[in-house]
Amino acid sequence: MKSISQLLCELPAELAEEGTTGRDLIDSLIYQAKSESKLGYLGIDQYGTKYTIKKYPRKELMDMMGVKYANKMYVDLKSGGTAHQGYVIGDLWIDVYEVHKWNH
């Protein structure tokens, strides 16, 4: 993983322009660091079948299954809200997980 000083040196010129807030720079650094450590996605259905996904979970899962439509699957949170957890494609309920590098 790159250091903060290395990331600062690689910031796009438009972020260094006058009027850019410190929060914008921090958000950009966090996004870039997460993007570098993310390896892709892993889908697991209710039967334990695993699906390796590179970049676009919904599109790639639909292509693998040969379908043109996927419903979003949600999970209830203790706070009372909901969170998108995966997709229902045909009779499969597929949980989708981000895969990140373990060591820094």
PDB file of N, CA and C in Angstrom:
ATOM      1  N   MET A   1       0.848  -1.172   0.000  1.00  0.00           N
ATOM      2  CA  MET A   1       0.000   0.000   0.000  1.00  0.00           C
ATOM      3  C   MET A   1       0.895   1.237   0.000  1.00  0.00           C
ATOM      4  N   LYS A   2       0.515   2.235  -0.754  1.00  0.00           N
ATOM      5  CA  LYS A   2       1.297   3.457  -0.864  1.00  0.00           C
ATOM      6  C   LYS A   2       1.101   4.341   0.356  1.00  0.00           C
ATOM      7  N   SER A   3       2.129   5.134   0.658  1.00  0.00           N
ATOM      8  CA  SER A   3       2.020   6.067   1.771  1.00  0.00           C
ATOM      9  C   SER A   3       1.179   7.273   1.363  1.00  0.00           C
ATOM     10  N   ILE A   4       0.741   8.028   2.351  1.00  0.00           N
ATOM     11  CA  ILE A   4      -0.071   9.215   2.073  1.00  0.00           C
ATOM     12  C   ILE A   4       0.714  10.215   1.232  1.00  0.00           C
ATOM     13  N   SER A   5       2.006  10.372   1.514  1.00  0.00           N
ATOM     14  CA  SER A   5       2.806  11.327   0.735  1.00  0.00           C
ATOM     15  C   SER A   5       2.913  10.889  -0.724  1.00  0.00           C
ATOM     16  N   GLN A   6       3.006   9.582  -0.974  1.00  0.00           N
ATOM     17  CA  GLN A   6       3.038   9.096  -2.355  1.00  0.00           C
ATOM     18  C   GLN A   6       1.712   9.373  -3.054  1.00  0.00           C
ATOM     19  N   LEU A   7       0.610   9.143  -2.338  1.00  0.00           N
ATOM     20  CA  LEU A   7      -0.701   9.401  -2.919  1.00  0.00           C
ATOM     21  C   LEU A   7      -0.907  10.881  -3.195  1.00  0.00           C
ATOM     22  N   LEU A   8      -0.427  11.741  -2.289  1.00  0.00           N
ATOM     23  CA  LEU A   8      -0.558  13.189  -2.499  1.00  0.00           C
ATOM     24  C   LEU A   8       0.168  13.627  -3.768  1.00  0.00           C
ATOM     25  N   CYS A   9       1.319  13.021  -4.030  1.00  0.00           N
ATOM     26  CA  CYS A   9       2.088  13.377  -5.230  1.00  0.00           C
ATOM     27  C   CYS A   9       1.366  12.943  -6.508  1.00  0.00           C
ATOM     28  N   GLU A  10       0.507  11.919  -6.412  1.00  0.00           N
ATOM     29  CA  GLU A  10      -0.167  11.388  -7.585  1.00  0.00           C
ATOM     30  C   GLU A  10      -1.580  11.949  -7.785  1.00  0.00           C
ATOM     31  N   LEU A  11      -1.985  12.896  -6.944  1.00  0.00           N
ATOM     32  CA  LEU A  11      -3.334  13.446  -7.074  1.00  0.00           C
ATOM     33  C   LEU A  11      -3.522  14.105  -8.427  1.00  0.00           C
ATOM     34  N   PRO A  12      -4.685  13.948  -9.006  1.00  0.00           N
ATOM     35  CA  PRO A  12      -4.958  14.624 -10.273  1.00  0.00           C
ATOM     36  C   PRO A  12      -4.856  16.137 -10.101  1.00  0.00           C
ATOM     37  N   ALA A  13      -4.467  16.813 -11.150  1.00  0.00           N
ATOM     38  CA  ALA A  13      -4.264  18.260 -11.100  1.00  0.00           C
ATOM     39  C   ALA A  13      -5.529  19.003 -10.687  1.00  0.00           C
ATOM     40  N   GLU A  14      -6.710  18.520 -11.106  1.00  0.00           N
ATOM     41  CA  GLU A  14      -7.941  19.230 -10.775  1.00  0.00           C
ATOM     42  C   GLU A  14      -8.218  19.254  -9.275  1.00  0.00           C
ATOM     43  N   LEU A  15      -7.679  18.274  -8.520  1.00  0.00           N
ATOM     44  CA  LEU A  15      -7.882  18.281  -7.075  1.00  0.00           C
ATOM     45  C   LEU A  15      -6.977  19.293  -6.378  1.00  0.00           C
ATOM     46  N   ALA A  16      -5.870  19.612  -6.997  1.00  0.00           N
ATOM     47  CA  ALA A  16      -4.938  20.553  -6.395  1.00  0.00           C
ATOM     48  C   ALA A  16      -5.291  21.997  -6.724  1.00  0.00           C
ATOM     49  N   GLU A  17      -6.325  22.205  -7.518  1.00  0.00           N
ATOM     50  CA  GLU A  17      -6.709  23.560  -7.905  1.00  0.00           C
ATOM     51  C   GLU A  17      -7.206  24.353  -6.714  1.00  0.00           C
ATOM     52  N   GLU A  18      -7.170  25.637  -6.839  1.00  0.00           N
ATOM     53  CA  GLU A  18      -7.644  26.526  -5.790  1.00  0.00           C
ATOM     54  C   GLU A  18      -9.137  26.289  -5.562  1.00  0.00           C
ATOM     55  N   GLY A  19      -9.552  26.292  -4.308  1.00  0.00           N
ATOM     56  CA  GLY A  19     -10.955  26.089  -3.978  1.00  0.00           C
ATOM     57  C   GLY A  19     -11.276  24.666  -3.559  1.00  0.00           C
ATOM     58  N   THR A  20     -10.341  23.752  -3.713  1.00  0.00           N
ATOM     59  CA  THR A  20     -10.555  22.383  -3.282  1.00  0.00           C
ATOM     60  C   THR A  20     -10.371  22.327  -1.773  1.00  0.00           C
ATOM     61  N   THR A  21     -11.330  21.725  -1.082  1.00  0.00           N
ATOM     62  CA  THR A  21     -11.238  21.661   0.377  1.00  0.00           C
ATOM     63  C   THR A  21     -10.346  20.507   0.801  1.00  0.00           C
ATOM     64  N   GLY A  22      -9.897  20.576   2.038  1.00  0.00           N
ATOM     65  CA  GLY A  22      -9.099  19.498   2.603  1.00  0.00           C
ATOM     66  C   GLY A  22      -9.884  18.208   2.658  1.00  0.00           C
ATOM     67  N   ARG A  23     -11.199  18.331   2.914  1.00  0.00           N
ATOM     68  CA  ARG A  23     -12.051  17.141   2.984  1.00  0.00           C
ATOM     69  C   ARG A  23     -12.108  16.440   1.622  1.00  0.00           C
ATOM     70  N   ASP A  24     -12.150  17.225   0.530  1.00  0.00           N
ATOM     71  CA  ASP A  24     -12.140  16.639  -0.815  1.00  0.00           C
ATOM     72  C   ASP A  24     -10.862  15.839  -1.042  1.00  0.00           C
ATOM     73  N   LEU A  25      -9.737  16.387  -0.600  1.00  0.00           N
ATOM     74  CA  LEU A  25      -8.460  15.695  -0.763  1.00  0.00           C
ATOM     75  C   LEU A  25      -8.429  14.405   0.050  1.00  0.00           C
ATOM     76  N   ILE A  26      -8.913  14.486   1.289  1.00  0.00           N
ATOM     77  CA  ILE A  26      -8.933  13.303   2.146  1.00  0.00           C
ATOM     78  C   ILE A  26      -9.839  12.225   1.553  1.00  0.00           C
ATOM     79  N   ASP A  27     -11.032  12.634   1.099  1.00  0.00           N
ATOM     80  CA  ASP A  27     -11.948  11.675   0.483  1.00  0.00           C
ATOM     81  C   ASP A  27     -11.324  11.014  -0.737  1.00  0.00           C
ATOM     82  N   SER A  28     -10.611  11.800  -1.533  1.00  0.00           N
ATOM     83  CA  SER A  28      -9.954  11.265  -2.722  1.00  0.00           C
ATOM     84  C   SER A  28      -8.872  10.259  -2.337  1.00  0.00           C
ATOM     85  N   LEU A  29      -8.103  10.574  -1.299  1.00  0.00           N
ATOM     86  CA  LEU A  29      -7.045   9.668  -0.846  1.00  0.00           C
ATOM     87  C   LEU A  29      -7.629   8.358  -0.320  1.00  0.00           C
ATOM     88  N   ILE A  30      -8.699   8.451   0.456  1.00  0.00           N
ATOM     89  CA  ILE A  30      -9.323   7.250   0.997  1.00  0.00           C
ATOM     90  C   ILE A  30      -9.868   6.386  -0.134  1.00  0.00           C
ATOM     91  N   TYR A  31     -10.545   7.006  -1.100  1.00  0.00           N
ATOM     92  CA  TYR A  31     -11.096   6.265  -2.230  1.00  0.00           C
ATOM     93  C   TYR A  31      -9.986   5.563  -3.012  1.00  0.00           C
ATOM     94  N   GLN A  32      -8.894   6.292  -3.255  1.00  0.00           N
ATOM     95  CA  GLN A  32      -7.785   5.721  -4.022  1.00  0.00           C
ATOM     96  C   GLN A  32      -7.146   4.564  -3.260  1.00  0.00           C
ATOM     97  N   ALA A  33      -6.959   4.716  -1.943  1.00  0.00           N
ATOM     98  CA  ALA A  33      -6.344   3.650  -1.149  1.00  0.00           C
ATOM     99  C   ALA A  33      -7.232   2.406  -1.135  1.00  0.00           C
ATOM    100  N   LYS A  34      -8.546   2.593  -1.002  1.00  0.00           N
ATOM    101  CA  LYS A  34      -9.460   1.451  -1.015  1.00  0.00           C
ATOM    102  C   LYS A  34      -9.465   0.781  -2.377  1.00  0.00           C
ATOM    103  N   SER A  35      -9.405   1.583  -3.440  1.00  0.00           N
ATOM    104  CA  SER A  35      -9.423   1.025  -4.793  1.00  0.00           C
ATOM    105  C   SER A  35      -8.196   0.171  -5.047  1.00  0.00           C
ATOM    106  N   GLU A  36      -7.045   0.602  -4.506  1.00  0.00           N
ATOM    107  CA  GLU A  36      -5.816  -0.150  -4.729  1.00  0.00           C
ATOM    108  C   GLU A  36      -5.810  -1.474  -3.975  1.00  0.00           C
ATOM    109  N   SER A  37      -6.478  -1.520  -2.811  1.00  0.00           N
ATOM    110  CA  SER A  37      -6.456  -2.749  -2.019  1.00  0.00           C
ATOM    111  C   SER A  37      -7.581  -3.709  -2.404  1.00  0.00           C
ATOM    112  N   LYS A  38      -8.589  -3.236  -3.166  1.00  0.00           N
ATOM    113  CA  LYS A  38      -9.706  -4.104  -3.545  1.00  0.00           C
ATOM    114  C   LYS A  38      -9.294  -5.005  -4.702  1.00  0.00           C
ATOM    115  N   LEU A  39      -9.489  -6.298  -4.504  1.00  0.00           N
ATOM    116  CA  LEU A  39      -9.118  -7.279  -5.527  1.00  0.00           C
ATOM    117  C   LEU A  39     -10.278  -7.660  -6.427  1.00  0.00           C
ATOM    118  N   GLY A  40     -11.494  -7.407  -5.974  1.00  0.00           N
ATOM    119  CA  GLY A  40     -12.675  -7.776  -6.745  1.00  0.00           C
ATOM    120  C   GLY A  40     -13.805  -8.123  -5.802  1.00  0.00           C
ATOM    121  N   TYR A  41     -14.670  -9.042  -6.226  1.00  0.00           N
ATOM    122  CA  TYR A  41     -15.822  -9.445  -5.435  1.00  0.00           C
ATOM    123  C   TYR A  41     -15.946 -10.957  -5.439  1.00  0.00           C
ATOM    124  N   LEU A  42     -16.648 -11.463  -4.443  1.00  0.00           N
ATOM    125  CA  LEU A  42     -16.934 -12.888  -4.356  1.00  0.00           C
ATOM    126  C   LEU A  42     -18.426 -13.035  -4.095  1.00  0.00           C
ATOM    127  N   GLY A  43     -19.103 -13.816  -4.919  1.00  0.00           N
ATOM    128  CA  GLY A  43     -20.512 -14.113  -4.712  1.00  0.00           C
ATOM    129  C   GLY A  43     -20.654 -15.534  -4.201  1.00  0.00           C
ATOM    130  N   ILE A  44     -21.529 -15.729  -3.210  1.00  0.00           N
ATOM    131  CA  ILE A  44     -21.780 -17.068  -2.668  1.00  0.00           C
ATOM    132  C   ILE A  44     -23.289 -17.265  -2.585  1.00  0.00           C
ATOM    133  N   ASP A  45     -23.795 -18.316  -3.235  1.00  0.00           N
ATOM    134  CA  ASP A  45     -25.247 -18.555  -3.203  1.00  0.00           C
ATOM    135  C   ASP A  45     -25.622 -19.428  -2.003  1.00  0.00           C
ATOM    136  N   GLN A  46     -26.912 -19.697  -1.852  1.00  0.00           N
ATOM    137  CA  GLN A  46     -27.406 -20.423  -0.681  1.00  0.00           C
ATOM    138  C   GLN A  46     -26.935 -21.868  -0.642  1.00  0.00           C
ATOM    139  N   TYR A  47     -26.397 -22.377  -1.744  1.00  0.00           N
ATOM    140  CA  TYR A  47     -25.879 -23.742  -1.783  1.00  0.00           C
ATOM    141  C   TYR A  47     -24.368 -23.808  -1.574  1.00  0.00           C
ATOM    142  N   GLY A  48     -23.732 -22.638  -1.412  1.00  0.00           N
ATOM    143  CA  GLY A  48     -22.290 -22.596  -1.191  1.00  0.00           C
ATOM    144  C   GLY A  48     -21.468 -22.459  -2.459  1.00  0.00           C
ATOM    145  N   THR A  49     -22.114 -22.336  -3.604  1.00  0.00           N
ATOM    146  CA  THR A  49     -21.391 -22.159  -4.865  1.00  0.00           C
ATOM    147  C   THR A  49     -20.773 -20.764  -4.884  1.00  0.00           C
ATOM    148  N   LYS A  50     -19.510 -20.698  -5.279  1.00  0.00           N
ATOM    149  CA  LYS A  50     -18.788 -19.420  -5.286  1.00  0.00           C
ATOM    150  C   LYS A  50     -18.652 -18.885  -6.706  1.00  0.00           C
ATOM    151  N   TYR A  51     -18.786 -17.569  -6.839  1.00  0.00           N
ATOM    152  CA  TYR A  51     -18.676 -16.888  -8.126  1.00  0.00           C
ATOM    153  C   TYR A  51     -17.629 -15.797  -7.996  1.00  0.00           C
ATOM    154  N   THR A  52     -16.563 -15.886  -8.783  1.00  0.00           N
ATOM    155  CA  THR A  52     -15.522 -14.859  -8.781  1.00  0.00           C
ATOM    156  C   THR A  52     -15.946 -13.727  -9.703  1.00  0.00           C
ATOM    157  N   ILE A  53     -15.930 -12.520  -9.168  1.00  0.00           N
ATOM    158  CA  ILE A  53     -16.393 -11.349  -9.907  1.00  0.00           C
ATOM    159  C   ILE A  53     -15.271 -10.318  -9.912  1.00  0.00           C
ATOM    160  N   LYS A  54     -14.968  -9.773 -11.078  1.00  0.00           N
ATOM    161  CA  LYS A  54     -13.855  -8.834 -11.180  1.00  0.00           C
ATOM    162  C   LYS A  54     -14.226  -7.410 -10.798  1.00  0.00           C
ATOM    163  N   LYS A  55     -15.241  -6.833 -11.478  1.00  0.00           N
ATOM    164  CA  LYS A  55     -15.482  -5.405 -11.283  1.00  0.00           C
ATOM    165  C   LYS A  55     -16.953  -5.028 -11.100  1.00  0.00           C
ATOM    166  N   TYR A  56     -17.853  -5.615 -11.847  1.00  0.00           N
ATOM    167  CA  TYR A  56     -19.263  -5.230 -11.828  1.00  0.00           C
ATOM    168  C   TYR A  56     -20.125  -6.420 -11.418  1.00  0.00           C
ATOM    169  N   PRO A  57     -20.433  -6.538 -10.109  1.00  0.00           N
ATOM    170  CA  PRO A  57     -21.116  -7.743  -9.621  1.00  0.00           C
ATOM    171  C   PRO A  57     -22.422  -8.080 -10.340  1.00  0.00           C
ATOM    172  N   ARG A  58     -23.336  -7.130 -10.471  1.00  0.00           N
ATOM    173  CA  ARG A  58     -24.644  -7.428 -11.072  1.00  0.00           C
ATOM    174  C   ARG A  58     -24.494  -7.886 -12.516  1.00  0.00           C
ATOM    175  N   LYS A  59     -23.752  -7.124 -13.302  1.00  0.00           N
ATOM    176  CA  LYS A  59     -23.588  -7.439 -14.721  1.00  0.00           C
ATOM    177  C   LYS A  59     -22.889  -8.790 -14.912  1.00  0.00           C
ATOM    178  N   GLU A  60     -21.824  -9.008 -14.172  1.00  0.00           N
ATOM    179  CA  GLU A  60     -21.072 -10.251 -14.349  1.00  0.00           C
ATOM    180  C   GLU A  60     -21.866 -11.477 -13.890  1.00  0.00           C
ATOM    181  N   LEU A  61     -22.625 -11.326 -12.792  1.00  0.00           N
ATOM    182  CA  LEU A  61     -23.456 -12.456 -12.352  1.00  0.00           C
ATOM    183  C   LEU A  61     -24.541 -12.771 -13.375  1.00  0.00           C
ATOM    184  N   MET A  62     -25.182 -11.742 -13.927  1.00  0.00           N
ATOM    185  CA  MET A  62     -26.214 -11.978 -14.943  1.00  0.00           C
ATOM    186  C   MET A  62     -25.616 -12.642 -16.176  1.00  0.00           C
ATOM    187  N   ASP A  63     -24.418 -12.224 -16.580  1.00  0.00           N
ATOM    188  CA  ASP A  63     -23.753 -12.865 -17.719  1.00  0.00           C
ATOM    189  C   ASP A  63     -23.450 -14.334 -17.433  1.00  0.00           C
ATOM    190  N   MET A  64     -22.982 -14.628 -16.207  1.00  0.00           N
ATOM    191  CA  MET A  64     -22.676 -16.019 -15.836  1.00  0.00           C
ATOM    192  C   MET A  64     -23.923 -16.900 -15.877  1.00  0.00           C
ATOM    193  N   MET A  65     -25.054 -16.333 -15.448  1.00  0.00           N
ATOM    194  CA  MET A  65     -26.302 -17.097 -15.376  1.00  0.00           C
ATOM    195  C   MET A  65     -27.068 -17.083 -16.692  1.00  0.00           C
ATOM    196  N   GLY A  66     -26.687 -16.213 -17.613  1.00  0.00           N
ATOM    197  CA  GLY A  66     -27.365 -16.127 -18.889  1.00  0.00           C
ATOM    198  C   GLY A  66     -28.742 -15.496 -18.803  1.00  0.00           C
ATOM    199  N   VAL A  67     -28.894 -14.530 -17.889  1.00  0.00           N
ATOM    200  CA  VAL A  67     -30.179 -13.843 -17.716  1.00  0.00           C
ATOM    201  C   VAL A  67     -29.991 -12.344 -17.942  1.00  0.00           C
ATOM    202  N   LYS A  68     -31.123 -11.643 -18.064  1.00  0.00           N
ATOM    203  CA  LYS A  68     -31.064 -10.209 -18.325  1.00  0.00           C
ATOM    204  C   LYS A  68     -31.587  -9.373 -17.159  1.00  0.00           C
ATOM    205  N   TYR A  69     -31.963 -10.033 -16.039  1.00  0.00           N
ATOM    206  CA  TYR A  69     -32.538  -9.288 -14.932  1.00  0.00           C
ATOM    207  C   TYR A  69     -32.119  -9.907 -13.615  1.00  0.00           C
ATOM    208  N   ALA A  70     -31.810  -9.043 -12.627  1.00  0.00           N
ATOM    209  CA  ALA A  70     -31.467  -9.490 -11.282  1.00  0.00           C
ATOM    210  C   ALA A  70     -32.115  -8.553 -10.273  1.00  0.00           C
ATOM    211  N   ASN A  71     -32.773  -9.120  -9.276  1.00  0.00           N
ATOM    212  CA  ASN A  71     -33.347  -8.318  -8.194  1.00  0.00           C
ATOM    213  C   ASN A  71     -32.304  -8.112  -7.106  1.00  0.00           C
ATOM    214  N   LYS A  72     -32.338  -6.941  -6.488  1.00  0.00           N
ATOM    215  CA  LYS A  72     -31.451  -6.693  -5.360  1.00  0.00           C
ATOM    216  C   LYS A  72     -31.961  -7.446  -4.141  1.00  0.00           C
ATOM    217  N   MET A  73     -31.038  -7.899  -3.316  1.00  0.00           N
ATOM    218  CA  MET A  73     -31.387  -8.590  -2.080  1.00  0.00           C
ATOM    219  C   MET A  73     -30.918  -7.724  -0.914  1.00  0.00           C
ATOM    220  N   TYR A  74     -31.775  -7.546   0.066  1.00  0.00           N
ATOM    221  CA  TYR A  74     -31.473  -6.681   1.200  1.00  0.00           C
ATOM    222  C   TYR A  74     -31.455  -7.479   2.491  1.00  0.00           C
ATOM    223  N   VAL A  75     -30.764  -6.949   3.494  1.00  0.00           N
ATOM    224  CA  VAL A  75     -30.735  -7.532   4.831  1.00  0.00           C
ATOM    225  C   VAL A  75     -31.191  -6.455   5.809  1.00  0.00           C
ATOM    226  N   ASP A  76     -31.939  -6.865   6.837  1.00  0.00           N
ATOM    227  CA  ASP A  76     -32.382  -5.930   7.867  1.00  0.00           C
ATOM    228  C   ASP A  76     -31.240  -5.654   8.844  1.00  0.00           C
ATOM    229  N   LEU A  77     -31.096  -4.391   9.217  1.00  0.00           N
ATOM    230  CA  LEU A  77     -30.075  -3.987  10.177  1.00  0.00           C
ATOM    231  C   LEU A  77     -30.693  -3.851  11.568  1.00  0.00           C
ATOM    232  N   LYS A  78     -29.874  -3.982  12.605  1.00  0.00           N
ATOM    233  CA  LYS A  78     -30.363  -3.814  13.968  1.00  0.00           C
ATOM    234  C   LYS A  78     -30.904  -2.413  14.193  1.00  0.00           C
ATOM    235  N   SER A  79     -30.375  -1.434  13.450  1.00  0.00           N
ATOM    236  CA  SER A  79     -30.811  -0.044  13.590  1.00  0.00           C
ATOM    237  C   SER A  79     -32.203   0.185  12.999  1.00  0.00           C
ATOM    238  N   GLY A  80     -32.744  -0.814  12.319  1.00  0.00           N
ATOM    239  CA  GLY A  80     -34.068  -0.699  11.728  1.00  0.00           C
ATOM    240  C   GLY A  80     -34.045  -0.444  10.231  1.00  0.00           C
ATOM    241  N   GLY A  81     -32.895  -0.141   9.670  1.00  0.00           N
ATOM    242  CA  GLY A  81     -32.782   0.101   8.240  1.00  0.00           C
ATOM    243  C   GLY A  81     -32.504  -1.176   7.466  1.00  0.00           C
ATOM    244  N   THR A  82     -32.168  -1.001   6.218  1.00  0.00           N
ATOM    245  CA  THR A  82     -31.803  -2.136   5.375  1.00  0.00           C
ATOM    246  C   THR A  82     -30.498  -1.834   4.654  1.00  0.00           C
ATOM    247  N   ALA A  83     -29.822  -2.877   4.206  1.00  0.00           N
ATOM    248  CA  ALA A  83     -28.577  -2.730   3.447  1.00  0.00           C
ATOM    249  C   ALA A  83     -28.595  -3.711   2.284  1.00  0.00           C
ATOM    250  N   HIS A  84     -28.144  -3.243   1.127  1.00  0.00           N
ATOM    251  CA  HIS A  84     -28.049  -4.099  -0.053  1.00  0.00           C
ATOM    252  C   HIS A  84     -26.958  -5.135   0.193  1.00  0.00           C
ATOM    253  N   GLN A  85     -27.296  -6.407   0.050  1.00  0.00           N
ATOM    254  CA  GLN A  85     -26.360  -7.477   0.372  1.00  0.00           C
ATOM    255  C   GLN A  85     -25.976  -8.332  -0.824  1.00  0.00           C
ATOM    256  N   GLY A  86     -26.819  -8.365  -1.845  1.00  0.00           N
ATOM    257  CA  GLY A  86     -26.524  -9.222  -2.984  1.00  0.00           C
ATOM    258  C   GLY A  86     -27.657  -9.177  -3.985  1.00  0.00           C
ATOM    259  N   TYR A  87     -27.828 -10.295  -4.713  1.00  0.00           N
ATOM    260  CA  TYR A  87     -28.825 -10.342  -5.788  1.00  0.00           C
ATOM    261  C   TYR A  87     -29.589 -11.652  -5.764  1.00  0.00           C
ATOM    262  N   VAL A  88     -30.838 -11.587  -6.203  1.00  0.00           N
ATOM    263  CA  VAL A  88     -31.641 -12.783  -6.428  1.00  0.00           C
ATOM    264  C   VAL A  88     -31.723 -12.942  -7.942  1.00  0.00           C
ATOM    265  N   ILE A  89     -31.167 -14.048  -8.434  1.00  0.00           N
ATOM    266  CA  ILE A  89     -31.161 -14.328  -9.868  1.00  0.00           C
ATOM    267  C   ILE A  89     -31.777 -15.703 -10.057  1.00  0.00           C
ATOM    268  N   GLY A  90     -32.953 -15.720 -10.654  1.00  0.00           N
ATOM    269  CA  GLY A  90     -33.688 -16.982 -10.784  1.00  0.00           C
ATOM    270  C   GLY A  90     -34.042 -17.490  -9.400  1.00  0.00           C
ATOM    271  N   ASP A  91     -33.640 -18.730  -9.084  1.00  0.00           N
ATOM    272  CA  ASP A  91     -33.908 -19.273  -7.752  1.00  0.00           C
ATOM    273  C   ASP A  91     -32.677 -19.223  -6.856  1.00  0.00           C
ATOM    274  N   LEU A  92     -31.667 -18.455  -7.253  1.00  0.00           N
ATOM    275  CA  LEU A  92     -30.443 -18.326  -6.454  1.00  0.00           C
ATOM    276  C   LEU A  92     -30.426 -17.015  -5.682  1.00  0.00           C
ATOM    277  N   TRP A  93     -30.047 -17.088  -4.418  1.00  0.00           N
ATOM    278  CA  TRP A  93     -29.844 -15.907  -3.589  1.00  0.00           C
ATOM    279  C   TRP A  93     -28.341 -15.773  -3.419  1.00  0.00           C
ATOM    280  N   ILE A  94     -27.755 -14.762  -4.032  1.00  0.00           N
ATOM    281  CA  ILE A  94     -26.301 -14.640  -4.059  1.00  0.00           C
ATOM    282  C   ILE A  94     -25.862 -13.458  -3.205  1.00  0.00           C
ATOM    283  N   ASP A  95     -25.133 -13.756  -2.107  1.00  0.00           N
ATOM    284  CA  ASP A  95     -24.517 -12.716  -1.282  1.00  0.00           C
ATOM    285  C   ASP A  95     -23.241 -12.276  -1.985  1.00  0.00           C
ATOM    286  N   VAL A  96     -22.981 -10.958  -2.021  1.00  0.00           N
ATOM    287  CA  VAL A  96     -21.790 -10.434  -2.683  1.00  0.00           C
ATOM    288  C   VAL A  96     -20.895  -9.760  -1.653  1.00  0.00           C
ATOM    289  N   TYR A  97     -19.615 -10.111  -1.668  1.00  0.00           N
ATOM    290  CA  TYR A  97     -18.627  -9.574  -0.742  1.00  0.00           C
ATOM    291  C   TYR A  97     -17.490  -8.918  -1.512  1.00  0.00           C
ATOM    292  N   GLU A  98     -16.988  -7.772  -1.004  1.00  0.00           N
ATOM    293  CA  GLU A  98     -15.776  -7.173  -1.562  1.00  0.00           C
ATOM    294  C   GLU A  98     -14.582  -7.968  -1.049  1.00  0.00           C
ATOM    295  N   VAL A  99     -13.598  -8.190  -1.898  1.00  0.00           N
ATOM    296  CA  VAL A  99     -12.389  -8.906  -1.510  1.00  0.00           C
ATOM    297  C   VAL A  99     -11.238  -7.894  -1.507  1.00  0.00           C
ATOM    298  N   HIS A 100     -10.549  -7.807  -0.365  1.00  0.00           N
ATOM    299  CA  HIS A 100      -9.432  -6.854  -0.208  1.00  0.00           C
ATOM    300  C   HIS A 100      -8.164  -7.595   0.154  1.00  0.00           C
ATOM    301  N   LYS A 101      -7.029  -6.960  -0.069  1.00  0.00           N
ATOM    302  CA  LYS A 101      -5.750  -7.511   0.357  1.00  0.00           C
ATOM    303  C   LYS A 101      -5.751  -7.592   1.872  1.00  0.00           C
ATOM    304  N   TRP A 102      -5.163  -8.641   2.401  1.00  0.00           N
ATOM    305  CA  TRP A 102      -5.144  -8.835   3.842  1.00  0.00           C
ATOM    306  C   TRP A 102      -4.050  -7.998   4.502  1.00  0.00           C
ATOM    307  N   ASN A 103      -2.840  -8.028   3.975  1.00  0.00           N
ATOM    308  CA  ASN A 103      -1.727  -7.283   4.583  1.00  0.00           C
ATOM    309  C   ASN A 103      -1.588  -5.917   3.948  1.00  0.00           C
ATOM    310  N   HIS A 104      -0.996  -5.011   4.683  1.00  0.00           N
ATOM    311  CA  HIS A 104      -0.880  -3.630   4.198  1.00  0.00           C
ATOM    312  C   HIS A 104       0.449  -3.396   3.569  1.00  0.00           C
TER     313      HIS A 104
END
